[in-house]
Protein backbone atom coordinates (compact mmCIF):
# COMPACT_ATOMS: atom_id res chain seq x y z
CA UNK A 1 2.43 17.76 16.22
CA UNK A 2 3.94 19.47 12.91
CA UNK A 3 2.15 19.30 9.40
CA UNK A 4 4.18 17.27 7.34
CA UNK A 5 4.69 20.03 4.93
CA UNK A 6 6.71 21.95 7.21
CA UNK A 7 9.33 18.75 7.29
CA UNK A 8 8.93 19.05 3.42
CA UNK A 9 9.96 22.71 3.20
CA UNK A 10 13.08 21.94 5.89
CA UNK A 11 14.08 18.74 3.69
CA UNK A 12 14.14 20.96 0.43
CA UNK A 13 16.31 23.51 1.97
CA UNK A 14 18.63 21.12 3.46
CA UNK A 15 19.14 18.88 0.76
CA UNK A 16 18.92 21.40 -1.98
CA UNK A 17 21.34 20.05 -4.61
CA UNK A 18 20.61 16.36 -3.58
CA UNK A 19 18.55 14.07 -5.87
CA UNK A 20 14.88 13.63 -4.52
CA UNK A 21 12.46 11.89 -7.08
CA UNK A 22 13.97 9.66 -9.51
CA UNK A 23 12.66 7.48 -12.60
CA UNK A 24 14.72 4.43 -12.39
CA UNK A 25 17.04 4.68 -15.41
CA UNK A 26 15.45 7.88 -16.47
CA UNK A 27 14.64 11.66 -15.11
CA UNK A 28 16.34 12.67 -12.00
CA UNK A 29 14.81 15.57 -9.88
CA UNK A 30 16.49 17.42 -7.18
CA UNK A 31 14.99 18.90 -3.99
CA UNK A 32 15.55 22.38 -5.88
CA UNK A 33 14.04 21.08 -9.23
CA UNK A 34 11.15 19.79 -6.95
CA UNK A 35 10.74 23.19 -5.29
CA UNK A 36 10.67 25.05 -8.78
CA UNK A 37 7.90 22.77 -10.16
CA UNK A 38 5.74 23.28 -7.20
CA UNK A 39 6.30 26.98 -7.33
CA UNK A 40 5.51 26.89 -11.27
CA UNK A 41 2.44 25.23 -10.72
CA UNK A 42 1.41 27.22 -7.69
CA UNK A 43 1.66 30.40 -10.05
CA UNK A 44 -0.60 28.63 -12.59
CA UNK A 45 -3.25 27.61 -10.00
CA UNK A 46 -3.19 31.27 -8.91
CA UNK A 47 -3.72 32.68 -12.29
CA UNK A 48 -6.65 30.11 -13.09
CA UNK A 49 -8.43 31.03 -9.95
CA UNK A 50 -7.91 27.62 -8.06
CA UNK A 51 -8.66 28.15 -4.33
CA UNK A 52 -7.61 26.42 -1.20
CA UNK A 53 -9.92 23.45 -0.79
CA UNK A 54 -10.77 23.23 -4.58
CA UNK A 55 -10.20 19.53 -5.69
CA UNK A 56 -7.62 18.37 -8.10
CA UNK A 57 -7.12 14.64 -9.25
CA UNK A 58 -4.38 12.75 -10.04
CA UNK A 59 -4.68 9.20 -12.13
CA UNK A 60 -1.25 7.63 -13.55
CA UNK A 61 1.49 5.10 -13.32
CA UNK A 62 4.07 5.64 -10.71
CA UNK A 63 6.51 8.35 -11.71
CA UNK A 64 8.71 11.07 -10.37
CA UNK A 65 6.58 13.41 -11.69
CA UNK A 66 3.30 11.88 -10.22
CA UNK A 67 4.89 12.71 -7.01
CA UNK A 68 5.70 16.18 -8.09
CA UNK A 69 2.04 16.61 -9.16
CA UNK A 70 0.93 15.54 -5.90
CA UNK A 71 2.90 17.83 -4.04
CA UNK A 72 2.10 20.90 -6.13
CA UNK A 73 -1.31 20.22 -5.24
CA UNK A 74 -1.05 19.39 -1.58
CA UNK A 75 1.36 22.43 -0.70
CA UNK A 76 -1.29 25.03 -2.26
CA UNK A 77 -3.78 23.96 -0.29
CA UNK A 78 -6.23 22.20 -2.63
CA UNK A 79 -7.36 18.66 -2.08
CA UNK A 80 -5.45 15.92 -3.91
CA UNK A 81 -7.62 13.08 -5.25
CA UNK A 82 -5.50 10.12 -5.83
CA UNK A 83 -7.09 7.67 -8.32
CA UNK A 84 -5.76 4.07 -9.17
CA UNK A 85 -4.25 3.71 -12.85
CA UNK A 86 -6.00 0.22 -12.28
CA UNK A 87 -9.47 1.67 -12.13
CA UNK A 88 -11.71 1.36 -15.83
CA UNK A 89 -11.92 4.36 -17.62
CA UNK A 90 -15.76 4.60 -16.73
CA UNK A 91 -14.62 4.62 -12.94
CA UNK A 92 -12.02 7.35 -13.34
CA UNK A 93 -14.55 9.29 -15.19
CA UNK A 94 -16.78 9.07 -12.54
CA UNK A 95 -14.55 9.58 -9.56
CA UNK A 96 -13.13 12.58 -11.13
CA UNK A 97 -16.55 14.04 -11.33
CA UNK A 98 -17.75 12.72 -8.13
CA UNK A 99 -14.82 14.11 -6.42
CA UNK A 100 -15.71 17.72 -7.72
CA UNK A 101 -12.36 17.95 -9.46
CA UNK A 102 -11.00 20.83 -11.73
CA UNK A 103 -7.81 19.56 -12.93
CA UNK A 104 -6.38 16.03 -13.61
CA UNK A 105 -2.96 14.85 -13.75
CA UNK A 106 -2.78 11.87 -15.99
CA UNK A 107 -0.73 10.20 -18.53
CA UNK A 108 -1.60 10.19 -22.24
CA UNK A 109 -2.54 6.52 -22.41
CA UNK A 110 -5.05 6.81 -19.79
CA UNK A 111 -6.18 10.05 -21.05
CA UNK A 112 -7.08 8.80 -24.56
CA UNK A 113 -9.64 6.24 -22.68
CA UNK A 114 -11.36 9.01 -20.78
CA UNK A 115 -14.29 11.15 -21.87
CA UNK A 116 -14.03 14.79 -20.53
CA UNK A 117 -18.09 15.23 -21.29
CA UNK A 118 -18.43 12.79 -18.08
CA UNK A 119 -16.29 15.16 -16.13
CA UNK A 120 -18.29 18.53 -16.73
CA UNK A 121 -16.49 20.36 -13.75
CA UNK A 122 -12.79 19.39 -15.32
CA UNK A 123 -10.87 22.47 -16.50
CA UNK A 124 -7.76 21.15 -17.59
CA UNK A 125 -5.78 18.03 -17.73
CA UNK A 126 -2.00 17.58 -17.65
CA UNK A 127 0.40 14.75 -18.78
CA UNK A 128 2.50 13.47 -15.88
CA UNK A 129 5.20 12.20 -18.11
CA UNK A 130 6.32 15.64 -19.49
CA UNK A 131 3.67 18.04 -17.76
CA UNK A 132 2.35 18.84 -21.25
CA UNK A 133 -1.39 20.42 -21.66
CA UNK A 134 -3.66 17.75 -22.77
CA UNK A 135 -7.12 19.48 -22.41
CA UNK A 136 -8.30 22.82 -21.62
CA UNK A 137 -12.08 23.15 -21.47
CA UNK A 138 -11.54 27.17 -21.11
CA UNK A 139 -8.87 29.20 -23.45
CA UNK A 140 -7.89 30.90 -20.27
CA UNK A 141 -6.41 27.75 -19.03
CA UNK A 142 -4.38 27.12 -22.44
CA UNK A 143 -3.05 30.69 -22.64
CA UNK A 144 -2.01 30.99 -19.07
CA UNK A 145 0.07 27.71 -19.33
CA UNK A 146 1.35 28.56 -22.48
CA UNK A 147 3.16 32.10 -21.00
CA UNK A 148 3.69 30.04 -17.80
CA UNK A 149 7.62 30.24 -18.04
CA UNK A 150 7.53 33.98 -18.71
CA UNK A 151 5.28 34.74 -15.80
CA UNK A 152 7.67 32.46 -13.61
CA UNK A 153 10.63 34.44 -14.90
CA UNK A 154 9.15 37.75 -14.23
CA UNK A 155 7.93 36.53 -10.60
CA UNK A 156 11.69 35.46 -9.60
CA UNK A 157 13.44 38.00 -11.26
CA UNK A 158 16.74 37.35 -9.62
CA UNK A 159 16.45 33.57 -10.03
CA UNK A 160 14.20 30.97 -7.84
CA UNK A 161 16.36 30.22 -4.49
CA UNK A 162 15.85 28.77 -1.20
CA UNK A 163 14.40 31.58 0.01
CA UNK A 164 11.56 31.41 -2.31
CA UNK A 165 10.29 28.07 -0.99
CA UNK A 166 7.13 28.97 0.53
CA UNK A 167 3.92 26.70 1.07
CA UNK A 168 0.36 27.69 1.46
CA UNK A 169 -0.01 25.08 4.28
CA UNK A 170 1.66 24.99 7.52
CA UNK A 171 0.81 23.89 11.00
CA UNK A 172 -2.10 26.15 11.10
CA UNK A 173 -4.05 24.09 8.56
CA UNK A 174 -3.74 20.57 10.41
CA UNK A 175 -7.26 20.05 10.35
CA UNK A 176 -8.09 21.19 6.76
CA UNK A 177 -8.86 18.36 3.99
CA UNK A 178 -5.75 17.15 2.53
CA UNK A 179 -6.71 14.18 0.39
CA UNK A 180 -9.81 12.21 -0.69
CA UNK A 181 -8.61 8.59 -1.40
CA UNK A 182 -11.29 6.21 -3.13
CA UNK A 183 -10.95 2.83 -1.77
CA UNK A 184 -12.43 1.24 -5.03
CA UNK A 185 -13.48 1.95 -8.26
CA UNK A 186 -17.24 1.26 -8.11
CA UNK A 187 -19.51 3.95 -9.63
CA UNK A 188 -22.28 3.60 -7.44
CA UNK A 189 -22.13 5.47 -3.66
CA UNK A 190 -18.46 5.45 -4.13
CA UNK A 191 -16.09 5.88 -0.79
CA UNK A 192 -13.89 8.67 -0.75
CA UNK A 193 -12.02 8.59 2.13
CA UNK A 194 -11.38 12.09 3.42
CA UNK A 195 -7.78 12.58 5.09
CA UNK A 196 -6.77 15.48 6.87
CA UNK A 197 -3.20 17.23 7.15
CA UNK A 198 -3.15 16.00 10.64
CA UNK A 199 -4.12 12.33 9.81
CA UNK A 200 -1.28 12.22 7.71
CA UNK A 201 1.30 14.01 9.51
CA UNK A 202 0.60 11.55 12.68
CA UNK A 203 1.37 8.61 10.57
CA UNK A 204 4.62 10.46 9.14
CA UNK A 205 5.74 11.51 12.56
CA UNK A 206 5.22 7.76 13.87
CA UNK A 207 7.32 7.01 11.16
CA UNK A 208 10.29 9.21 11.78
CA UNK A 209 10.07 8.24 15.45
CA UNK A 210 9.85 4.54 15.00
CA UNK A 211 11.68 3.92 11.50
CA UNK A 212 14.37 6.84 11.16
CA UNK A 213 15.53 7.56 7.69
CA UNK A 214 18.56 9.54 7.22
CA UNK A 215 19.80 12.13 4.31
CA UNK A 216 21.38 10.01 1.85
CA UNK A 217 19.25 7.11 2.25
CA UNK A 218 17.42 5.56 -0.57
CA UNK A 219 14.14 3.58 -1.37
CA UNK A 220 12.31 2.08 -4.23
CA UNK A 221 8.93 2.87 -4.82
CA UNK A 222 6.97 -0.39 -5.74
CA UNK A 223 3.44 0.05 -4.40
CA UNK A 224 0.93 1.91 -5.97
CA UNK A 225 0.92 5.63 -5.04
CA UNK A 226 -2.60 6.21 -5.33
CA UNK A 227 -2.82 3.74 -2.38
CA UNK A 228 -2.38 5.22 1.01
CA UNK A 229 0.26 2.72 2.24
CA UNK A 230 2.61 3.30 -0.90
CA UNK A 231 1.78 7.35 -0.76
CA UNK A 232 2.74 7.65 2.81
CA UNK A 233 5.69 5.27 3.77
CA UNK A 234 7.49 5.26 0.14
CA UNK A 235 7.07 8.57 -0.72
CA UNK A 236 5.69 11.31 1.81
CA UNK A 237 7.61 10.12 5.08
CA UNK A 238 11.11 9.09 3.42
CA UNK A 239 11.01 12.34 1.47
CA UNK A 240 10.59 14.48 4.27
CA UNK A 241 13.52 12.85 5.82
CA UNK A 242 15.84 13.64 2.83
CA UNK A 243 15.69 10.40 1.30
CA UNK A 244 15.87 9.88 -2.50
CA UNK A 245 13.02 7.85 -4.16
CA UNK A 246 13.13 5.66 -7.11
CA UNK A 247 9.87 5.27 -8.85
CA UNK A 248 9.30 1.87 -11.51
CA UNK A 249 6.25 2.86 -13.39
CA UNK A 250 3.24 0.41 -13.73
CA UNK A 251 3.56 -3.02 -12.44
CA UNK A 252 7.19 -3.91 -12.92
CA UNK A 253 8.38 -6.81 -14.05
CA UNK A 254 10.12 -9.28 -11.10
CA UNK A 255 13.45 -8.52 -13.16
CA UNK A 256 13.10 -4.87 -13.26
CA UNK A 257 12.36 -5.00 -9.77
CA UNK A 258 15.02 -6.75 -8.64
CA UNK A 259 17.47 -5.12 -10.82
CA UNK A 260 16.30 -1.87 -9.33
CA UNK A 261 16.92 -3.10 -5.59
CA UNK A 262 20.33 -4.03 -6.40
CA UNK A 263 21.16 -0.62 -7.95
CA UNK A 264 19.26 1.53 -5.57
CA UNK A 265 20.32 -0.46 -2.27
CA UNK A 266 17.28 0.81 -0.22
CA UNK A 267 17.11 0.85 3.48
CA UNK A 268 13.73 -0.15 3.81
CA UNK A 269 11.28 -2.39 1.77
CA UNK A 270 7.57 -2.28 2.05
CA UNK A 271 5.66 -4.94 0.31
CA UNK A 272 2.65 -7.28 0.38
CA UNK A 273 2.96 -10.88 2.26
CA UNK A 274 2.08 -12.19 -1.51
CA UNK A 275 5.50 -11.02 -2.88
CA UNK A 276 7.46 -12.20 0.13
CA UNK A 277 5.67 -15.74 -0.04
CA UNK A 278 6.34 -16.24 -3.50
CA UNK A 279 10.08 -15.64 -2.83
CA UNK A 280 10.11 -17.94 -0.30
CA UNK A 281 8.41 -20.79 -2.45
CA UNK A 282 10.92 -20.25 -5.46
CA UNK A 283 14.16 -19.89 -3.73
CA UNK A 284 14.02 -20.31 0.12
CA UNK A 285 11.94 -23.53 0.37
CA UNK A 286 14.09 -25.31 -2.39
CA UNK A 287 17.19 -24.27 -0.76
CA UNK A 288 16.06 -25.50 3.03
CA UNK A 289 14.54 -29.02 1.44
CA UNK A 290 17.76 -30.09 0.04
CA UNK A 291 18.83 -33.27 2.21
CA UNK A 292 22.24 -31.70 3.04
CA UNK A 293 20.63 -28.55 4.35
CA UNK A 294 17.97 -30.62 6.35
CA UNK A 295 20.50 -32.44 8.16
CA UNK A 296 22.60 -29.36 8.77
CA UNK A 297 19.85 -27.37 9.90
CA UNK A 298 19.52 -29.73 12.92
CA UNK A 299 23.10 -29.37 14.07
CA UNK A 300 23.58 -26.69 16.86
CA UNK A 301 25.92 -23.87 15.77
CA UNK A 302 26.11 -25.08 11.97
CA UNK A 303 22.28 -24.41 11.46
CA UNK A 304 23.08 -20.69 12.49
CA UNK A 305 25.59 -20.74 9.69
CA UNK A 306 23.24 -22.05 7.07
CA UNK A 307 20.29 -19.98 8.32
CA UNK A 308 22.54 -16.87 7.92
CA UNK A 309 23.69 -17.75 4.65
CA UNK A 310 20.02 -18.24 3.35
CA UNK A 311 19.24 -14.76 4.92
CA UNK A 312 22.54 -13.16 3.37
CA UNK A 313 21.53 -14.31 0.01
CA UNK A 314 18.32 -12.95 0.32
CA UNK A 315 19.33 -9.47 1.78
CA UNK A 316 21.61 -9.29 -1.19
CA UNK A 317 18.93 -9.91 -3.74
CA UNK A 318 17.58 -6.59 -2.20
CA UNK A 319 20.60 -4.67 -2.27
CA UNK A 320 22.17 -5.51 0.81
CA UNK A 321 21.46 -2.33 2.68
CA UNK A 322 17.85 -3.42 4.02
CA UNK A 323 17.49 -2.53 7.63
CA UNK A 324 13.69 -3.71 7.96
CA UNK A 325 10.99 -5.70 5.51
CA UNK A 326 7.83 -4.24 6.17
CA UNK A 327 4.55 -6.19 5.33
CA UNK A 328 1.20 -5.18 5.40
CA UNK A 329 -2.23 -5.48 3.62
CA UNK A 330 -2.73 -9.27 4.38
CA UNK A 331 -1.51 -11.98 6.62
CA UNK A 332 1.65 -13.53 6.37
CA UNK A 333 1.42 -17.50 5.74
CA UNK A 334 2.37 -18.92 9.19
CA UNK A 335 4.90 -21.57 7.48
CA UNK A 336 6.36 -18.59 5.76
CA UNK A 337 6.56 -16.58 8.64
CA UNK A 338 8.17 -19.44 10.62
CA UNK A 339 10.95 -19.97 8.02
CA UNK A 340 11.42 -15.86 8.15
CA UNK A 341 12.04 -15.88 11.94
CA UNK A 342 14.14 -18.84 11.79
CA UNK A 343 16.57 -17.45 9.25
CA UNK A 344 16.68 -14.41 11.11
CA UNK A 345 15.20 -11.87 8.71
CA UNK A 346 14.61 -8.52 9.60
CA UNK A 347 10.80 -8.52 8.92
CA UNK A 348 7.58 -7.11 10.46
CA UNK A 349 4.39 -7.16 9.76
CA UNK A 350 1.98 -4.26 10.24
CA UNK A 351 -1.68 -3.32 10.12
CA UNK A 352 -3.72 -0.43 8.65
CA UNK A 353 -6.22 1.00 6.31
CA UNK A 354 -6.83 3.91 4.28
CA UNK A 355 -9.04 5.33 7.00
CA UNK A 356 -6.07 5.32 9.47
CA UNK A 357 -3.66 7.29 6.88
CA UNK A 358 -2.66 4.30 6.80
CA UNK A 359 -1.22 2.92 9.84
CA UNK A 360 -2.67 1.29 13.28
CA UNK A 361 -0.04 -1.12 14.25
CA UNK A 362 3.53 -1.81 13.94
CA UNK A 363 6.53 -3.12 16.09
CA UNK A 364 10.24 -3.11 15.06
CA UNK A 365 11.70 -6.43 13.92
CA UNK A 366 13.69 -6.96 17.00
CA UNK A 367 10.47 -6.93 19.18
CA UNK A 368 7.63 -8.09 16.73
CA UNK A 369 5.61 -11.00 17.97
CA UNK A 370 5.22 -14.00 15.62
CA UNK A 371 1.98 -13.97 14.28
CA UNK A 372 0.44 -10.64 15.42
CA UNK A 373 0.77 -7.30 13.16
CA UNK A 374 2.54 -5.24 16.04
CA UNK A 375 1.34 -3.26 18.64
CA UNK A 376 -1.09 0.11 18.34
CA UNK A 377 0.53 2.97 16.84
CA UNK A 378 1.18 6.11 19.37
CA UNK A 379 -1.36 8.30 17.77
CA UNK A 380 -4.17 6.02 18.12
CA UNK A 381 -6.39 4.10 20.59
CA UNK A 382 -7.44 0.69 20.04
CA UNK A 383 -9.89 -1.52 21.65
CA UNK A 384 -11.34 -4.81 20.95
CA UNK A 385 -15.43 -5.03 20.91
CA UNK A 386 -15.73 -8.42 22.73
CA UNK A 387 -16.22 -9.16 26.44
CA UNK A 388 -12.48 -10.36 26.93
CA UNK A 389 -10.08 -8.71 24.30
CA UNK A 390 -7.34 -11.24 25.26
CA UNK A 391 -9.44 -14.24 24.33
CA UNK A 392 -12.23 -13.35 22.45
CA UNK A 393 -12.33 -12.15 19.15
CA UNK A 394 -14.18 -8.82 18.37
CA UNK A 395 -14.22 -6.34 15.81
CA UNK A 396 -11.17 -3.96 16.10
CA UNK A 397 -12.01 -0.16 16.87
CA UNK A 398 -9.74 2.81 16.50
CA UNK A 399 -9.83 6.58 17.42
CA UNK A 400 -6.80 9.17 17.19
CA UNK A 401 -4.91 11.78 15.19
CA UNK A 402 -4.68 9.30 12.11
CA UNK A 403 -8.28 8.56 11.89
CA UNK A 404 -9.99 10.08 8.83
CA UNK A 405 -12.86 12.58 8.71
CA UNK A 406 -15.41 10.34 6.97
CA UNK A 407 -16.34 9.81 3.54
CA UNK A 408 -16.76 12.54 0.76
CA UNK A 409 -20.45 13.33 -0.02
CA UNK A 410 -21.52 9.98 1.69
CA UNK A 411 -23.13 11.11 5.01
CA UNK A 412 -24.73 7.51 5.44
CA UNK A 413 -21.38 5.68 5.09
CA UNK A 414 -19.46 8.00 7.50
CA UNK A 415 -22.42 7.61 10.16
CA UNK A 416 -21.92 3.88 9.48
CA UNK A 417 -18.19 3.72 10.05
CA UNK A 418 -18.03 5.04 13.59
CA UNK A 419 -19.59 4.21 16.90
CA UNK A 420 -21.27 6.73 19.16
CA UNK A 421 -18.12 7.35 20.91
CA UNK A 422 -16.17 8.19 17.96
CA UNK A 423 -14.29 5.07 17.31
CA UNK A 424 -13.85 3.95 13.46
CA UNK A 425 -15.12 0.27 12.82
CA UNK A 426 -12.32 -1.36 10.76
CA UNK A 427 -14.30 -4.52 10.12
CA UNK A 428 -11.36 -6.69 11.27
CA UNK A 429 -11.53 -9.28 14.04
CA UNK A 430 -8.62 -9.69 16.36
CA UNK A 431 -7.55 -9.97 20.01
CA UNK A 432 -4.67 -8.16 21.81
CA UNK A 433 -2.44 -10.31 24.18
CA UNK A 434 -1.52 -8.66 27.46
CA UNK A 435 1.92 -7.26 25.85
CA UNK A 436 -0.36 -5.29 23.51
CA UNK A 437 0.41 -7.33 20.59
CA UNK A 438 -2.48 -7.25 17.85
CA UNK A 439 -3.65 -10.79 16.14
CA UNK A 440 -6.24 -10.57 13.37
CA UNK A 441 -8.39 -13.30 13.02
CA UNK A 442 -9.78 -12.01 9.85
CA UNK A 443 -12.51 -9.70 8.48
CA UNK A 444 -15.93 -9.70 10.44
CA UNK A 445 -17.78 -10.23 6.78
CA UNK A 446 -15.55 -13.01 5.75
CA UNK A 447 -16.35 -15.03 9.13
CA UNK A 448 -18.11 -18.02 8.47
CA UNK A 449 -20.54 -19.57 11.21
CA UNK A 450 -20.34 -23.38 11.52
CA UNK A 451 -23.77 -25.35 12.22
CA UNK A 452 -22.17 -25.87 15.62
CA UNK A 453 -21.92 -22.22 16.65
CA UNK A 454 -18.03 -22.49 16.10
CA UNK A 455 -16.64 -19.26 14.35
CA UNK A 456 -14.42 -20.17 11.10
CA UNK A 457 -11.71 -17.67 9.69
CA UNK A 458 -11.52 -18.66 6.39
CA UNK A 459 -8.10 -16.73 6.04
CA UNK A 460 -6.62 -19.40 8.54
CA UNK A 461 -7.72 -22.38 6.47
CA UNK A 462 -6.33 -20.69 3.36
CA UNK A 463 -2.99 -20.53 5.13
CA UNK A 464 -2.85 -24.24 5.48
CA UNK A 465 -4.13 -25.13 1.97
CA UNK A 466 -1.62 -22.64 0.49
CA UNK A 467 1.13 -24.76 2.15
CA UNK A 468 -0.12 -28.00 0.18
CA UNK A 469 2.34 -28.72 -2.83
CA UNK A 470 1.42 -27.11 -6.42
CA UNK A 471 -0.99 -24.59 -4.44
CA UNK A 472 -0.36 -20.68 -5.80
CA UNK A 473 -3.20 -19.46 -3.54
CA UNK A 474 -6.72 -20.17 -2.50
CA UNK A 475 -10.17 -19.28 -1.26
CA UNK A 476 -12.17 -20.79 1.18
CA UNK A 477 -16.22 -20.42 0.43
CA UNK A 478 -19.20 -21.63 2.58
CA UNK A 479 -21.45 -23.81 0.48
CA UNK A 480 -24.68 -25.04 2.30
CA UNK A 481 -22.55 -25.20 5.49
CA UNK A 482 -19.65 -27.00 3.65
CA UNK A 483 -16.17 -25.55 3.33
CA UNK A 484 -14.90 -25.70 -0.11
CA UNK A 485 -11.46 -24.56 -0.98
CA UNK A 486 -11.17 -23.10 -4.64
CA UNK A 487 -7.28 -23.26 -5.62
CA UNK A 488 -5.18 -21.81 -8.49
CA UNK A 489 -2.29 -24.48 -9.05
CA UNK A 490 1.36 -23.65 -9.85
CA UNK A 491 1.70 -25.06 -13.36
CA UNK A 492 5.25 -24.45 -13.48
CA UNK A 493 5.72 -26.64 -10.54
CA UNK A 494 3.40 -29.20 -11.98
CA UNK A 495 5.73 -29.32 -15.19
CA UNK A 496 8.94 -29.25 -13.21
CA UNK A 497 7.62 -32.41 -11.25
CA UNK A 498 6.97 -34.14 -14.78
CA UNK A 499 3.27 -35.17 -13.22
CA UNK A 500 1.16 -37.24 -15.92
CA UNK A 501 -2.77 -36.74 -16.30
CA UNK A 502 -3.63 -39.18 -13.59
CA UNK A 503 -1.43 -37.54 -10.84
CA UNK A 504 -2.58 -34.20 -12.05
CA UNK A 505 -5.90 -35.02 -11.64
CA UNK A 506 -5.29 -36.46 -8.17
CA UNK A 507 -4.00 -33.15 -6.89
CA UNK A 508 -7.26 -31.48 -5.51
CA UNK A 509 -8.20 -34.71 -3.23
CA UNK A 510 -4.46 -35.08 -2.11
CA UNK A 511 -4.68 -31.18 -0.82
CA UNK A 512 -8.15 -31.83 0.81
CA UNK A 513 -6.84 -34.74 2.59
CA UNK A 514 -3.18 -33.49 3.72
CA UNK A 515 -5.04 -30.03 4.43
CA UNK A 516 -7.60 -31.77 6.75
CA UNK A 517 -4.86 -33.11 8.85
CA UNK A 518 -3.79 -29.94 10.09
CA UNK A 519 -7.28 -28.38 10.25
CA UNK A 520 -9.57 -28.75 13.76
CA UNK A 521 -12.83 -30.87 12.96
CA UNK A 522 -15.06 -27.81 12.74
CA UNK A 523 -13.17 -26.50 9.62
CA UNK A 524 -12.29 -29.28 7.78
CA UNK A 525 -12.62 -28.89 3.79
CA UNK A 526 -15.12 -31.00 2.23
CA UNK A 527 -14.12 -30.34 -1.37
CA UNK A 528 -11.17 -28.84 -3.66
CA UNK A 529 -12.07 -27.05 -6.85
CA UNK A 530 -9.29 -25.88 -9.18
CA UNK A 531 -9.64 -22.57 -10.66
CA UNK A 532 -8.06 -22.03 -14.26
CA UNK A 533 -7.01 -18.15 -13.58
CA UNK A 534 -5.38 -16.48 -10.90
CA UNK A 535 -7.94 -14.81 -8.55
CA UNK A 536 -8.65 -11.28 -9.08
CA UNK A 537 -6.95 -8.62 -6.87
CA UNK A 538 -7.21 -5.40 -5.25
CA UNK A 539 -4.24 -3.26 -5.93
CA UNK A 540 -2.36 -4.00 -2.68
CA UNK A 541 -2.85 -7.62 -3.56
CA UNK A 542 -5.69 -8.78 -1.51
CA UNK A 543 -8.14 -11.15 -3.28
CA UNK A 544 -11.58 -10.14 -4.11
CA UNK A 545 -13.12 -12.63 -2.50
CA UNK A 546 -16.72 -11.36 -2.83
CA UNK A 547 -16.42 -12.40 -6.50
CA UNK A 548 -16.23 -16.02 -5.47
CA UNK A 549 -18.85 -18.45 -4.29
């Protein structure tokens, strides 16, 4: 296995004049420009005394300079600590301090809300918008930065060229700590996942083998960069293959996202099921529900023409160059998946987690089994903790080159996360069929045990509820051994349908009756309650179900 930074070194030299990191409709940085930024920061780190293994945090919206900051730290051998920009200021203060970070890369908007006194180890902070110095705890950190251009020019007297691209990390550093990625913004006993260069390299190597990218390809980064899914698969893996990456900033509006897709024409789209389900409900479902289309879809040969046209229009909306749509982070609604399969969309659903850097399972769209999350990745072993892994759901356990070192400064959490023989406890329940496809049933902590001893997976009940008219999303909870569905309604659809007050008041009971027709007796819903606000979600758009009772 090669360190992914060796691949980056080669990619920089082979694509020297090509665009590497672009802020959509803004600044463009070539591979040469990236190398110069990295060398410049390496010089600064050396002069202020940053050593290999020291911690440097980054908390900012997605930009091309976020990417530069990450790589400047990563290639130096310091440990990068990505923190989600959506975390509260108190959480950011706490995590910067907990991680022992000496430098922080952030943007001005976030910095204004932070308190340096709550980050006593912090020596300097830089603005990811323009690399201006935002803060220096010591005069030395300020003076050296103010004269950095002079230092750079005197160090590279003949100019900076390809021969000057040197990283302080290579294949000998595979087992060194590379990244600490915090999985939540809680301030008590935070869990910072420790990932080595080997962990990330295993995922990058898998991606290059199974999802090849090529010089000249482009991709849009729309997932949070501080989340390991977006970090590895929308940034590190494509960049090390010579791909140009376009960043959209923070939480791009749908109109900007679609504009970027049409302009950039990405070779790959990585997203979460929620995004594709919204597209299905707003565009595909209305199209296939038209009486004429319904008739044509049942006529052999003609139905293929109809389905191809629907798929083609979706592909065109994403730029017309997408080889594969990869979804992860949650289950794909079965009704939506059935439709995607019918129209021949090049989609697949993977499975991973931060602790696996991030991938545990994937299968190419051409071989993907409907309802699964693919097969285990090459670099990992997977087993199911049950008496029959093919029929009885049990916890999914994983071991391999991609599995994390544990949690930073949290020995109790690390010990609890692994079995005695070194397998990571994922907390997910699933089965594996004889072909090796993994089917996830739900989170072990979400599973509800019925009065009759039947295992109920709320995610499966929610999938049925979400298919009902006027439902945007739902959470199923257990109240005194009775299932209650909390639903957030689609107000736009209700308005469009012109429903009066009486019809609107009937919606919850209609949902319950209709959903129960498709549910087995042991998981029928006793009540549907309407919530007035969308459910609170994590950065990867999973509902924070622990908030709902």
